[in-house]
Amino acid sequence: GDVTKYADSTEGRFTISRDNAEKAIYVQLINLKPE
């Protein structure tokens, strides 16, 4: 969980995280566009 990468198209609007204890991964998306 210490390294994350994003596609250029996300333009800083996405945040990925994980909780290994819960076996879960999340991505928060803000300022969403139709594309």
PDB file of all heavy atoms in Angstrom:
ATOM      1  N   GLY A   1       0.785  -1.228   0.000  1.00  0.00           N
ATOM      2  CA  GLY A   1       0.000   0.000   0.000  1.00  0.00           C
ATOM      3  C   GLY A   1       0.817   1.278   0.000  1.00  0.00           C
ATOM      4  O   GLY A   1       0.249   2.369   0.028  1.00  0.00           O
ATOM      5  N   ASP A   2       2.141   1.160  -0.059  1.00  0.00           N
ATOM      6  CA  ASP A   2       2.953   2.363   0.054  1.00  0.00           C
ATOM      7  C   ASP A   2       3.257   3.030  -1.279  1.00  0.00           C
ATOM      8  O   ASP A   2       3.787   4.149  -1.305  1.00  0.00           O
ATOM      9  CB  ASP A   2       4.270   2.069   0.794  1.00  0.00           C
ATOM     10  CG  ASP A   2       5.094   0.994   0.121  1.00  0.00           C
ATOM     11  OD1 ASP A   2       4.565   0.321  -0.790  1.00  0.00           O
ATOM     12  OD2 ASP A   2       6.266   0.824   0.496  1.00  0.00           O
ATOM     13  N   VAL A   3       2.931   2.371  -2.363  1.00  0.00           N
ATOM     14  CA  VAL A   3       3.161   2.957  -3.685  1.00  0.00           C
ATOM     15  C   VAL A   3       1.869   2.917  -4.475  1.00  0.00           C
ATOM     16  O   VAL A   3       1.206   1.872  -4.539  1.00  0.00           O
ATOM     17  CB  VAL A   3       4.257   2.213  -4.460  1.00  0.00           C
ATOM     18  CG1 VAL A   3       4.421   2.810  -5.858  1.00  0.00           C
ATOM     19  CG2 VAL A   3       5.574   2.270  -3.703  1.00  0.00           C
ATOM     20  N   THR A   4       1.518   4.041  -5.066  1.00  0.00           N
ATOM     21  CA  THR A   4       0.332   4.125  -5.905  1.00  0.00           C
ATOM     22  C   THR A   4       0.694   4.779  -7.231  1.00  0.00           C
ATOM     23  O   THR A   4       1.633   5.583  -7.305  1.00  0.00           O
ATOM     24  CB  THR A   4      -0.782   4.945  -5.233  1.00  0.00           C
ATOM     25  OG1 THR A   4      -0.288   6.264  -4.958  1.00  0.00           O
ATOM     26  CG2 THR A   4      -1.231   4.301  -3.931  1.00  0.00           C
ATOM     27  N   LYS A   5      -0.035   4.410  -8.268  1.00  0.00           N
ATOM     28  CA  LYS A   5       0.149   5.011  -9.584  1.00  0.00           C
ATOM     29  C   LYS A   5      -1.222   5.327 -10.158  1.00  0.00           C
ATOM     30  O   LYS A   5      -2.198   4.633  -9.870  1.00  0.00           O
ATOM     31  CB  LYS A   5       0.888   4.049 -10.520  1.00  0.00           C
ATOM     32  CG  LYS A   5       2.324   3.774 -10.123  1.00  0.00           C
ATOM     33  CD  LYS A   5       3.196   4.990 -10.256  1.00  0.00           C
ATOM     34  CE  LYS A   5       4.651   4.665  -9.904  1.00  0.00           C
ATOM     35  NZ  LYS A   5       5.509   5.871  -9.950  1.00  0.00           N
ATOM     36  N   TYR A   6      -1.250   6.376 -10.986  1.00  0.00           N
ATOM     37  CA  TYR A   6      -2.502   6.785 -11.599  1.00  0.00           C
ATOM     38  C   TYR A   6      -2.287   7.068 -13.076  1.00  0.00           C
ATOM     39  O   TYR A   6      -1.239   7.583 -13.472  1.00  0.00           O
ATOM     40  CB  TYR A   6      -3.038   8.044 -10.921  1.00  0.00           C
ATOM     41  CG  TYR A   6      -3.334   7.864  -9.459  1.00  0.00           C
ATOM     42  CD1 TYR A   6      -2.380   8.130  -8.488  1.00  0.00           C
ATOM     43  CD2 TYR A   6      -4.581   7.391  -9.044  1.00  0.00           C
ATOM     44  CE1 TYR A   6      -2.652   7.935  -7.144  1.00  0.00           C
ATOM     45  CE2 TYR A   6      -4.859   7.196  -7.695  1.00  0.00           C
ATOM     46  CZ  TYR A   6      -3.891   7.470  -6.754  1.00  0.00           C
ATOM     47  OH  TYR A   6      -4.160   7.278  -5.431  1.00  0.00           O
ATOM     48  N   ALA A   7      -3.301   6.750 -13.858  1.00  0.00           N
ATOM     49  CA  ALA A   7      -3.263   7.131 -15.258  1.00  0.00           C
ATOM     50  C   ALA A   7      -3.359   8.653 -15.364  1.00  0.00           C
ATOM     51  O   ALA A   7      -3.997   9.300 -14.523  1.00  0.00           O
ATOM     52  CB  ALA A   7      -4.429   6.483 -16.009  1.00  0.00           C
ATOM     53  N   ASP A   8      -2.738   9.217 -16.375  1.00  0.00           N
ATOM     54  CA  ASP A   8      -2.775  10.670 -16.564  1.00  0.00           C
ATOM     55  C   ASP A   8      -4.205  11.190 -16.645  1.00  0.00           C
ATOM     56  O   ASP A   8      -4.496  12.316 -16.221  1.00  0.00           O
ATOM     57  CB  ASP A   8      -2.001  11.062 -17.834  1.00  0.00           C
ATOM     58  CG  ASP A   8      -0.509  10.841 -17.687  1.00  0.00           C
ATOM     59  OD1 ASP A   8      -0.030  10.705 -16.545  1.00  0.00           O
ATOM     60  OD2 ASP A   8       0.179  10.787 -18.732  1.00  0.00           O
ATOM     61  N   SER A   9      -5.085  10.358 -17.173  1.00  0.00           N
ATOM     62  CA  SER A   9      -6.469  10.789 -17.376  1.00  0.00           C
ATOM     63  C   SER A   9      -7.191  11.067 -16.063  1.00  0.00           C
ATOM     64  O   SER A   9      -8.204  11.760 -16.039  1.00  0.00           O
ATOM     65  CB  SER A   9      -7.246   9.736 -18.166  1.00  0.00           C
ATOM     66  OG  SER A   9      -7.260   8.512 -17.460  1.00  0.00           O
ATOM     67  N   THR A  10      -6.671  10.538 -14.956  1.00  0.00           N
ATOM     68  CA  THR A  10      -7.348  10.758 -13.677  1.00  0.00           C
ATOM     69  C   THR A  10      -7.124  12.175 -13.159  1.00  0.00           C
ATOM     70  O   THR A  10      -7.900  12.668 -12.348  1.00  0.00           O
ATOM     71  CB  THR A  10      -6.902   9.748 -12.621  1.00  0.00           C
ATOM     72  OG1 THR A  10      -5.511   9.934 -12.343  1.00  0.00           O
ATOM     73  CG2 THR A  10      -7.120   8.324 -13.107  1.00  0.00           C
ATOM     74  N   GLU A  11      -6.037  12.814 -13.611  1.00  0.00           N
ATOM     75  CA  GLU A  11      -5.787  14.246 -13.329  1.00  0.00           C
ATOM     76  C   GLU A  11      -5.886  14.581 -11.850  1.00  0.00           C
ATOM     77  O   GLU A  11      -6.436  15.611 -11.464  1.00  0.00           O
ATOM     78  CB  GLU A  11      -6.772  15.104 -14.135  1.00  0.00           C
ATOM     79  CG  GLU A  11      -6.656  14.906 -15.627  1.00  0.00           C
ATOM     80  CD  GLU A  11      -7.766  15.610 -16.381  1.00  0.00           C
ATOM     81  OE1 GLU A  11      -8.894  15.673 -15.858  1.00  0.00           O
ATOM     82  OE2 GLU A  11      -7.512  16.097 -17.496  1.00  0.00           O
ATOM     83  N   GLY A  12      -5.427  13.675 -10.996  1.00  0.00           N
ATOM     84  CA  GLY A  12      -5.439  13.953  -9.565  1.00  0.00           C
ATOM     85  C   GLY A  12      -6.796  13.833  -8.907  1.00  0.00           C
ATOM     86  O   GLY A  12      -6.965  14.214  -7.744  1.00  0.00           O
ATOM     87  N   ARG A  13      -7.746  13.292  -9.617  1.00  0.00           N
ATOM     88  CA  ARG A  13      -9.105  13.212  -9.073  1.00  0.00           C
ATOM     89  C   ARG A  13      -9.422  11.860  -8.443  1.00  0.00           C
ATOM     90  O   ARG A  13     -10.496  11.687  -7.862  1.00  0.00           O
ATOM     91  CB  ARG A  13     -10.113  13.514 -10.188  1.00  0.00           C
ATOM     92  CG  ARG A  13      -9.993  14.933 -10.751  1.00  0.00           C
ATOM     93  CD  ARG A  13     -10.942  15.168 -11.925  1.00  0.00           C
ATOM     94  NE  ARG A  13     -10.545  14.369 -13.081  1.00  0.00           N
ATOM     95  CZ  ARG A  13     -11.251  13.352 -13.549  1.00  0.00           C
ATOM     96  NH1 ARG A  13     -12.385  13.001 -12.967  1.00  0.00           N
ATOM     97  NH2 ARG A  13     -10.844  12.679 -14.606  1.00  0.00           N
ATOM     98  N   PHE A  14      -8.516  10.896  -8.568  1.00  0.00           N
ATOM     99  CA  PHE A  14      -8.750   9.569  -8.023  1.00  0.00           C
ATOM    100  C   PHE A  14      -7.756   9.302  -6.893  1.00  0.00           C
ATOM    101  O   PHE A  14      -6.597   9.734  -6.961  1.00  0.00           O
ATOM    102  CB  PHE A  14      -8.567   8.498  -9.093  1.00  0.00           C
ATOM    103  CG  PHE A  14      -9.612   8.504 -10.180  1.00  0.00           C
ATOM    104  CD1 PHE A  14     -10.567   9.491 -10.274  1.00  0.00           C
ATOM    105  CD2 PHE A  14      -9.623   7.491 -11.133  1.00  0.00           C
ATOM    106  CE1 PHE A  14     -11.522   9.483 -11.280  1.00  0.00           C
ATOM    107  CE2 PHE A  14     -10.568   7.472 -12.145  1.00  0.00           C
ATOM    108  CZ  PHE A  14     -11.513   8.470 -12.228  1.00  0.00           C
ATOM    109  N   THR A  15      -8.186   8.583  -5.874  1.00  0.00           N
ATOM    110  CA  THR A  15      -7.306   8.164  -4.793  1.00  0.00           C
ATOM    111  C   THR A  15      -7.555   6.701  -4.486  1.00  0.00           C
ATOM    112  O   THR A  15      -8.674   6.325  -4.131  1.00  0.00           O
ATOM    113  CB  THR A  15      -7.538   8.999  -3.522  1.00  0.00           C
ATOM    114  OG1 THR A  15      -7.367  10.388  -3.814  1.00  0.00           O
ATOM    115  CG2 THR A  15      -6.556   8.586  -2.433  1.00  0.00           C
ATOM    116  N   ILE A  16      -6.507   5.899  -4.616  1.00  0.00           N
ATOM    117  CA  ILE A  16      -6.625   4.470  -4.349  1.00  0.00           C
ATOM    118  C   ILE A  16      -6.054   4.177  -2.964  1.00  0.00           C
ATOM    119  O   ILE A  16      -5.102   4.825  -2.517  1.00  0.00           O
ATOM    120  CB  ILE A  16      -5.894   3.652  -5.436  1.00  0.00           C
ATOM    121  CG1 ILE A  16      -6.222   2.163  -5.319  1.00  0.00           C
ATOM    122  CG2 ILE A  16      -4.388   3.902  -5.393  1.00  0.00           C
ATOM    123  CD1 ILE A  16      -5.702   1.326  -6.495  1.00  0.00           C
ATOM    124  N   SER A  17      -6.641   3.212  -2.292  1.00  0.00           N
ATOM    125  CA  SER A  17      -6.146   2.805  -0.978  1.00  0.00           C
ATOM    126  C   SER A  17      -6.479   1.335  -0.764  1.00  0.00           C
ATOM    127  O   SER A  17      -7.288   0.761  -1.500  1.00  0.00           O
ATOM    128  CB  SER A  17      -6.769   3.660   0.126  1.00  0.00           C
ATOM    129  OG  SER A  17      -8.178   3.519   0.143  1.00  0.00           O
ATOM    130  N   ARG A  18      -5.867   0.752   0.223  1.00  0.00           N
ATOM    131  CA  ARG A  18      -6.172  -0.639   0.542  1.00  0.00           C
ATOM    132  C   ARG A  18      -6.114  -0.854   2.043  1.00  0.00           C
ATOM    133  O   ARG A  18      -5.384  -0.170   2.764  1.00  0.00           O
ATOM    134  CB  ARG A  18      -5.232  -1.604  -0.186  1.00  0.00           C
ATOM    135  CG  ARG A  18      -3.799  -1.593   0.265  1.00  0.00           C
ATOM    136  CD  ARG A  18      -2.925  -2.443  -0.666  1.00  0.00           C
ATOM    137  NE  ARG A  18      -3.222  -3.867  -0.582  1.00  0.00           N
ATOM    138  CZ  ARG A  18      -2.881  -4.765  -1.509  1.00  0.00           C
ATOM    139  NH1 ARG A  18      -2.229  -4.366  -2.604  1.00  0.00           N
ATOM    140  NH2 ARG A  18      -3.162  -6.040  -1.342  1.00  0.00           N
ATOM    141  N   ASP A  19      -6.869  -1.834   2.483  1.00  0.00           N
ATOM    142  CA  ASP A  19      -6.896  -2.258   3.872  1.00  0.00           C
ATOM    143  C   ASP A  19      -6.611  -3.750   3.864  1.00  0.00           C
ATOM    144  O   ASP A  19      -7.510  -4.548   3.603  1.00  0.00           O
ATOM    145  CB  ASP A  19      -8.256  -1.939   4.492  1.00  0.00           C
ATOM    146  CG  ASP A  19      -8.320  -2.258   5.980  1.00  0.00           C
ATOM    147  OD1 ASP A  19      -7.533  -3.112   6.444  1.00  0.00           O
ATOM    148  OD2 ASP A  19      -9.164  -1.669   6.671  1.00  0.00           O
ATOM    149  N   ASN A  20      -5.381  -4.110   4.113  1.00  0.00           N
ATOM    150  CA  ASN A  20      -5.011  -5.521   4.020  1.00  0.00           C
ATOM    151  C   ASN A  20      -5.687  -6.370   5.097  1.00  0.00           C
ATOM    152  O   ASN A  20      -5.946  -7.556   4.883  1.00  0.00           O
ATOM    153  CB  ASN A  20      -3.495  -5.678   4.084  1.00  0.00           C
ATOM    154  CG  ASN A  20      -2.827  -5.345   2.755  1.00  0.00           C
ATOM    155  OD1 ASN A  20      -3.492  -5.172   1.729  1.00  0.00           O
ATOM    156  ND2 ASN A  20      -1.511  -5.246   2.764  1.00  0.00           N
ATOM    157  N   ALA A  21      -5.969  -5.777   6.244  1.00  0.00           N
ATOM    158  CA  ALA A  21      -6.652  -6.529   7.292  1.00  0.00           C
ATOM    159  C   ALA A  21      -8.073  -6.893   6.859  1.00  0.00           C
ATOM    160  O   ALA A  21      -8.582  -7.968   7.199  1.00  0.00           O
ATOM    161  CB  ALA A  21      -6.681  -5.723   8.576  1.00  0.00           C
ATOM    162  N   GLU A  22      -8.703  -6.008   6.118  1.00  0.00           N
ATOM    163  CA  GLU A  22     -10.065  -6.245   5.632  1.00  0.00           C
ATOM    164  C   GLU A  22     -10.081  -6.861   4.242  1.00  0.00           C
ATOM    165  O   GLU A  22     -11.164  -7.148   3.712  1.00  0.00           O
ATOM    166  CB  GLU A  22     -10.844  -4.928   5.611  1.00  0.00           C
ATOM    167  CG  GLU A  22     -11.052  -4.302   6.979  1.00  0.00           C
ATOM    168  CD  GLU A  22     -11.931  -5.158   7.866  1.00  0.00           C
ATOM    169  OE1 GLU A  22     -12.876  -5.803   7.341  1.00  0.00           O
ATOM    170  OE2 GLU A  22     -11.663  -5.221   9.081  1.00  0.00           O
ATOM    171  N   LYS A  23      -8.916  -7.041   3.631  1.00  0.00           N
ATOM    172  CA  LYS A  23      -8.819  -7.565   2.266  1.00  0.00           C
ATOM    173  C   LYS A  23      -9.656  -6.720   1.304  1.00  0.00           C
ATOM    174  O   LYS A  23     -10.474  -7.251   0.529  1.00  0.00           O
ATOM    175  CB  LYS A  23      -9.262  -9.030   2.204  1.00  0.00           C
ATOM    176  CG  LYS A  23      -8.331  -9.987   2.928  1.00  0.00           C
ATOM    177  CD  LYS A  23      -8.739 -11.440   2.671  1.00  0.00           C
ATOM    178  CE  LYS A  23      -7.791 -12.404   3.329  1.00  0.00           C
ATOM    179  NZ  LYS A  23      -8.166 -13.812   3.063  1.00  0.00           N
ATOM    180  N   ALA A  24      -9.475  -5.438   1.359  1.00  0.00           N
ATOM    181  CA  ALA A  24     -10.287  -4.545   0.542  1.00  0.00           C
ATOM    182  C   ALA A  24      -9.432  -3.465  -0.104  1.00  0.00           C
ATOM    183  O   ALA A  24      -8.412  -3.038   0.455  1.00  0.00           O
ATOM    184  CB  ALA A  24     -11.383  -3.898   1.388  1.00  0.00           C
ATOM    185  N   ILE A  25      -9.851  -3.066  -1.265  1.00  0.00           N
ATOM    186  CA  ILE A  25      -9.211  -1.970  -1.996  1.00  0.00           C
ATOM    187  C   ILE A  25     -10.299  -0.968  -2.352  1.00  0.00           C
ATOM    188  O   ILE A  25     -11.421  -1.359  -2.701  1.00  0.00           O
ATOM    189  CB  ILE A  25      -8.543  -2.474  -3.299  1.00  0.00           C
ATOM    190  CG1 ILE A  25      -7.622  -3.647  -3.022  1.00  0.00           C
ATOM    191  CG2 ILE A  25      -7.759  -1.343  -3.972  1.00  0.00           C
ATOM    192  CD1 ILE A  25      -8.271  -4.980  -3.249  1.00  0.00           C
ATOM    193  N   TYR A  26      -9.966   0.300  -2.272  1.00  0.00           N
ATOM    194  CA  TYR A  26     -10.931   1.344  -2.542  1.00  0.00           C
ATOM    195  C   TYR A  26     -10.340   2.327  -3.554  1.00  0.00           C
ATOM    196  O   TYR A  26      -9.132   2.512  -3.623  1.00  0.00           O
ATOM    197  CB  TYR A  26     -11.282   2.101  -1.268  1.00  0.00           C
ATOM    198  CG  TYR A  26     -11.693   1.210  -0.130  1.00  0.00           C
ATOM    199  CD1 TYR A  26     -10.802   0.864   0.877  1.00  0.00           C
ATOM    200  CD2 TYR A  26     -12.987   0.693  -0.060  1.00  0.00           C
ATOM    201  CE1 TYR A  26     -11.165   0.033   1.912  1.00  0.00           C
ATOM    202  CE2 TYR A  26     -13.367  -0.140   0.980  1.00  0.00           C
ATOM    203  CZ  TYR A  26     -12.449  -0.460   1.962  1.00  0.00           C
ATOM    204  OH  TYR A  26     -12.824  -1.291   2.974  1.00  0.00           O
ATOM    205  N   VAL A  27     -11.219   2.959  -4.297  1.00  0.00           N
ATOM    206  CA  VAL A  27     -10.796   4.095  -5.098  1.00  0.00           C
ATOM    207  C   VAL A  27     -11.855   5.183  -4.950  1.00  0.00           C
ATOM    208  O   VAL A  27     -13.030   4.954  -5.190  1.00  0.00           O
ATOM    209  CB  VAL A  27     -10.528   3.714  -6.568  1.00  0.00           C
ATOM    210  CG1 VAL A  27     -11.749   3.174  -7.270  1.00  0.00           C
ATOM    211  CG2 VAL A  27      -9.933   4.895  -7.317  1.00  0.00           C
ATOM    212  N   GLN A  28     -11.400   6.317  -4.486  1.00  0.00           N
ATOM    213  CA  GLN A  28     -12.273   7.472  -4.330  1.00  0.00           C
ATOM    214  C   GLN A  28     -12.152   8.314  -5.592  1.00  0.00           C
ATOM    215  O   GLN A  28     -11.046   8.658  -6.011  1.00  0.00           O
ATOM    216  CB  GLN A  28     -11.850   8.294  -3.112  1.00  0.00           C
ATOM    217  CG  GLN A  28     -12.702   9.513  -2.847  1.00  0.00           C
ATOM    218  CD  GLN A  28     -14.069   9.163  -2.311  1.00  0.00           C
ATOM    219  OE1 GLN A  28     -14.223   8.260  -1.506  1.00  0.00           O
ATOM    220  NE2 GLN A  28     -15.094   9.875  -2.775  1.00  0.00           N
ATOM    221  N   LEU A  29     -13.285   8.636  -6.194  1.00  0.00           N
ATOM    222  CA  LEU A  29     -13.299   9.423  -7.424  1.00  0.00           C
ATOM    223  C   LEU A  29     -14.052  10.712  -7.154  1.00  0.00           C
ATOM    224  O   LEU A  29     -15.174  10.685  -6.634  1.00  0.00           O
ATOM    225  CB  LEU A  29     -13.988   8.661  -8.552  1.00  0.00           C
ATOM    226  CG  LEU A  29     -13.465   7.255  -8.916  1.00  0.00           C
ATOM    227  CD1 LEU A  29     -14.116   6.180  -8.064  1.00  0.00           C
ATOM    228  CD2 LEU A  29     -13.717   6.958 -10.366  1.00  0.00           C
ATOM    229  N   ILE A  30     -13.440  11.823  -7.491  1.00  0.00           N
ATOM    230  CA  ILE A  30     -14.098  13.114  -7.305  1.00  0.00           C
ATOM    231  C   ILE A  30     -14.130  13.858  -8.634  1.00  0.00           C
ATOM    232  O   ILE A  30     -13.419  13.517  -9.572  1.00  0.00           O
ATOM    233  CB  ILE A  30     -13.386  13.970  -6.239  1.00  0.00           C
ATOM    234  CG1 ILE A  30     -11.959  14.307  -6.680  1.00  0.00           C
ATOM    235  CG2 ILE A  30     -13.385  13.251  -4.897  1.00  0.00           C
ATOM    236  CD1 ILE A  30     -11.279  15.323  -5.775  1.00  0.00           C
ATOM    237  N   ASN A  31     -14.990  14.884  -8.696  1.00  0.00           N
ATOM    238  CA  ASN A  31     -15.099  15.716  -9.884  1.00  0.00           C
ATOM    239  C   ASN A  31     -15.194  14.860 -11.155  1.00  0.00           C
ATOM    240  O   ASN A  31     -14.461  15.048 -12.115  1.00  0.00           O
ATOM    241  CB  ASN A  31     -13.900  16.658  -9.982  1.00  0.00           C
ATOM    242  CG  ASN A  31     -14.090  17.747 -11.022  1.00  0.00           C
ATOM    243  OD1 ASN A  31     -15.229  18.030 -11.431  1.00  0.00           O
ATOM    244  ND2 ASN A  31     -13.006  18.345 -11.471  1.00  0.00           N
ATOM    245  N   LEU A  32     -16.129  13.932 -11.118  1.00  0.00           N
ATOM    246  CA  LEU A  32     -16.256  12.981 -12.212  1.00  0.00           C
ATOM    247  C   LEU A  32     -16.716  13.656 -13.500  1.00  0.00           C
ATOM    248  O   LEU A  32     -17.497  14.608 -13.478  1.00  0.00           O
ATOM    249  CB  LEU A  32     -17.227  11.874 -11.825  1.00  0.00           C
ATOM    250  CG  LEU A  32     -16.622  10.823 -10.882  1.00  0.00           C
ATOM    251  CD1 LEU A  32     -17.714  10.013 -10.199  1.00  0.00           C
ATOM    252  CD2 LEU A  32     -15.676   9.917 -11.649  1.00  0.00           C
ATOM    253  N   LYS A  33     -16.212  13.123 -14.602  1.00  0.00           N
ATOM    254  CA  LYS A  33     -16.557  13.636 -15.924  1.00  0.00           C
ATOM    255  C   LYS A  33     -17.299  12.546 -16.697  1.00  0.00           C
ATOM    256  O   LYS A  33     -17.152  11.359 -16.394  1.00  0.00           O
ATOM    257  CB  LYS A  33     -15.280  14.022 -16.674  1.00  0.00           C
ATOM    258  CG  LYS A  33     -14.455  15.081 -15.966  1.00  0.00           C
ATOM    259  CD  LYS A  33     -13.190  15.400 -16.735  1.00  0.00           C
ATOM    260  CE  LYS A  33     -12.366  16.460 -16.018  1.00  0.00           C
ATOM    261  NZ  LYS A  33     -11.122  16.792 -16.757  1.00  0.00           N
ATOM    262  N   PRO A  34     -18.070  12.923 -17.710  1.00  0.00           N
ATOM    263  CA  PRO A  34     -18.802  11.921 -18.489  1.00  0.00           C
ATOM    264  C   PRO A  34     -17.899  10.834 -19.069  1.00  0.00           C
ATOM    265  O   PRO A  34     -18.332   9.677 -19.197  1.00  0.00           O
ATOM    266  CB  PRO A  34     -19.453  12.764 -19.598  1.00  0.00           C
ATOM    267  CG  PRO A  34     -19.635  14.100 -18.971  1.00  0.00           C
ATOM    268  CD  PRO A  34     -18.434  14.304 -18.095  1.00  0.00           C
ATOM    269  N   GLU A  35     -16.663  11.174 -19.382  1.00  0.00           N
ATOM    270  CA  GLU A  35     -15.754  10.155 -19.923  1.00  0.00           C
ATOM    271  C   GLU A  35     -15.321   9.142 -18.869  1.00  0.00           C
ATOM    272  O   GLU A  35     -14.632   8.173 -19.183  1.00  0.00           O
ATOM    273  CB  GLU A  35     -14.518  10.800 -20.567  1.00  0.00           C
ATOM    274  CG  GLU A  35     -13.815  11.820 -19.712  1.00  0.00           C
ATOM    275  CD  GLU A  35     -14.264  13.249 -20.005  1.00  0.00           C
ATOM    276  OE1 GLU A  35     -15.478  13.472 -20.221  1.00  0.00           O
ATOM    277  OE2 GLU A  35     -13.385  14.134 -19.992  1.00  0.00           O
TER     278      GLU A  35
END
